[in-house]
């Protein structure tokens, strides 16, 4: 069974640099990780 990680994709990654988030997913998958995204994740305020 693969290890599971939760990925918190910030608003900046999600809207301005989505290729970075996609690269993170690829690296984690190649490392054998199962990736989940927290359903309750919201904006962290980073853009402010």
N, C-alpha and C. Protein backbone atom coordinates (compact mmCIF):
# COMPACT_ATOMS: atom_id res chain seq x y z
N UNK A 1 0.85 -1.19 0.00
CA UNK A 1 0.00 0.00 0.00
C UNK A 1 0.89 1.24 0.00
N UNK A 2 0.62 2.17 -0.89
CA UNK A 2 1.46 3.38 -0.95
C UNK A 2 1.21 4.31 0.23
N UNK A 3 2.20 5.12 0.51
CA UNK A 3 2.03 6.16 1.52
C UNK A 3 1.07 7.20 0.97
N UNK A 4 0.30 7.80 1.86
CA UNK A 4 -0.66 8.82 1.46
C UNK A 4 -0.22 10.17 2.00
N UNK A 5 -0.28 11.18 1.16
CA UNK A 5 0.02 12.55 1.58
C UNK A 5 -1.15 13.44 1.20
N UNK A 6 -1.37 14.48 1.97
CA UNK A 6 -2.37 15.48 1.63
C UNK A 6 -1.64 16.68 1.07
N UNK A 7 -2.08 17.13 -0.09
CA UNK A 7 -1.44 18.26 -0.74
C UNK A 7 -2.30 19.50 -0.55
N UNK A 8 -1.71 20.52 0.06
CA UNK A 8 -2.39 21.80 0.22
C UNK A 8 -1.87 22.71 -0.89
N UNK A 9 -2.70 22.91 -1.89
CA UNK A 9 -2.32 23.77 -3.02
C UNK A 9 -2.78 25.19 -2.70
N UNK A 10 -1.83 26.08 -2.52
CA UNK A 10 -2.17 27.46 -2.19
C UNK A 10 -2.84 28.15 -3.38
N UNK A 11 -3.52 29.25 -3.10
CA UNK A 11 -4.18 30.02 -4.17
C UNK A 11 -3.17 30.50 -5.21
N UNK A 12 -1.98 30.86 -4.76
CA UNK A 12 -0.96 31.33 -5.70
C UNK A 12 -0.57 30.23 -6.68
N UNK A 13 -0.38 29.03 -6.18
CA UNK A 13 -0.05 27.91 -7.05
C UNK A 13 -1.24 27.58 -7.94
N UNK A 14 -2.42 27.54 -7.35
CA UNK A 14 -3.62 27.15 -8.09
C UNK A 14 -3.93 28.11 -9.23
N UNK A 15 -3.78 29.41 -9.01
CA UNK A 15 -4.20 30.37 -10.03
C UNK A 15 -3.05 30.96 -10.86
N UNK A 16 -1.88 31.15 -10.26
CA UNK A 16 -0.80 31.84 -10.97
C UNK A 16 0.28 30.91 -11.53
N UNK A 17 0.55 29.81 -10.85
CA UNK A 17 1.63 28.92 -11.26
C UNK A 17 1.18 27.45 -11.21
N UNK A 18 0.10 27.09 -11.89
CA UNK A 18 -0.41 25.72 -11.77
C UNK A 18 0.59 24.65 -12.21
N UNK A 19 1.53 25.00 -13.07
CA UNK A 19 2.52 24.01 -13.50
C UNK A 19 3.39 23.54 -12.33
N UNK A 20 3.56 24.38 -11.33
CA UNK A 20 4.34 23.98 -10.15
C UNK A 20 3.58 22.91 -9.37
N UNK A 21 2.29 23.14 -9.16
CA UNK A 21 1.48 22.14 -8.47
C UNK A 21 1.44 20.82 -9.22
N UNK A 22 1.33 20.90 -10.55
CA UNK A 22 1.32 19.68 -11.37
C UNK A 22 2.65 18.94 -11.26
N UNK A 23 3.75 19.68 -11.20
CA UNK A 23 5.07 19.06 -11.06
C UNK A 23 5.20 18.38 -9.70
N UNK A 24 4.68 19.00 -8.66
CA UNK A 24 4.72 18.40 -7.32
C UNK A 24 3.97 17.07 -7.33
N UNK A 25 2.80 17.06 -7.96
CA UNK A 25 2.01 15.82 -8.04
C UNK A 25 2.80 14.74 -8.77
N UNK A 26 3.43 15.09 -9.88
CA UNK A 26 4.21 14.10 -10.64
C UNK A 26 5.36 13.53 -9.80
N UNK A 27 6.07 14.39 -9.09
CA UNK A 27 7.19 13.94 -8.26
C UNK A 27 6.69 13.01 -7.15
N UNK A 28 5.62 13.40 -6.49
CA UNK A 28 5.08 12.56 -5.41
C UNK A 28 4.60 11.22 -5.93
N UNK A 29 3.93 11.22 -7.09
CA UNK A 29 3.47 9.96 -7.67
C UNK A 29 4.64 9.07 -8.06
N UNK A 30 5.68 9.64 -8.61
CA UNK A 30 6.87 8.84 -8.96
C UNK A 30 7.54 8.26 -7.73
N UNK A 31 7.38 8.93 -6.60
CA UNK A 31 7.94 8.43 -5.34
C UNK A 31 7.02 7.41 -4.68
N UNK A 32 5.91 7.06 -5.35
CA UNK A 32 5.01 6.04 -4.83
C UNK A 32 3.98 6.55 -3.85
N UNK A 33 3.78 7.85 -3.82
CA UNK A 33 2.81 8.44 -2.90
C UNK A 33 1.41 8.48 -3.52
N UNK A 34 0.42 8.28 -2.66
CA UNK A 34 -0.96 8.49 -3.06
C UNK A 34 -1.33 9.88 -2.55
N UNK A 35 -1.85 10.73 -3.43
CA UNK A 35 -2.10 12.13 -3.09
C UNK A 35 -3.59 12.36 -2.90
N UNK A 36 -3.92 13.02 -1.80
CA UNK A 36 -5.29 13.45 -1.58
C UNK A 36 -5.29 14.96 -1.38
N UNK A 37 -6.44 15.56 -1.63
CA UNK A 37 -6.59 17.00 -1.45
C UNK A 37 -7.64 17.23 -0.39
N UNK A 38 -7.30 17.92 0.71
CA UNK A 38 -8.28 18.15 1.78
C UNK A 38 -9.51 18.88 1.23
N UNK A 39 -10.70 18.29 1.46
CA UNK A 39 -11.93 18.91 0.96
C UNK A 39 -12.20 20.26 1.61
N UNK A 40 -11.78 20.44 2.84
CA UNK A 40 -12.07 21.68 3.57
C UNK A 40 -11.01 22.76 3.34
N UNK A 41 -10.07 22.52 2.44
CA UNK A 41 -9.01 23.52 2.25
C UNK A 41 -9.59 24.81 1.69
N UNK A 42 -9.14 25.90 2.25
CA UNK A 42 -9.59 27.23 1.83
C UNK A 42 -8.36 28.11 1.64
N UNK A 43 -8.59 29.33 1.25
CA UNK A 43 -7.49 30.27 1.05
C UNK A 43 -6.76 30.52 2.37
N UNK A 44 -5.44 30.51 2.32
CA UNK A 44 -4.65 30.73 3.52
C UNK A 44 -4.35 32.22 3.75
N UNK A 45 -4.71 33.07 2.80
CA UNK A 45 -4.44 34.50 2.93
C UNK A 45 -3.10 34.91 2.35
N UNK A 46 -2.37 33.99 1.77
CA UNK A 46 -1.04 34.28 1.23
C UNK A 46 -1.03 35.41 0.21
N UNK A 47 -2.01 35.51 -0.71
CA UNK A 47 -1.97 36.61 -1.67
C UNK A 47 -2.08 37.99 -1.02
N UNK A 48 -2.67 38.07 0.16
CA UNK A 48 -2.82 39.36 0.83
C UNK A 48 -1.47 39.82 1.28
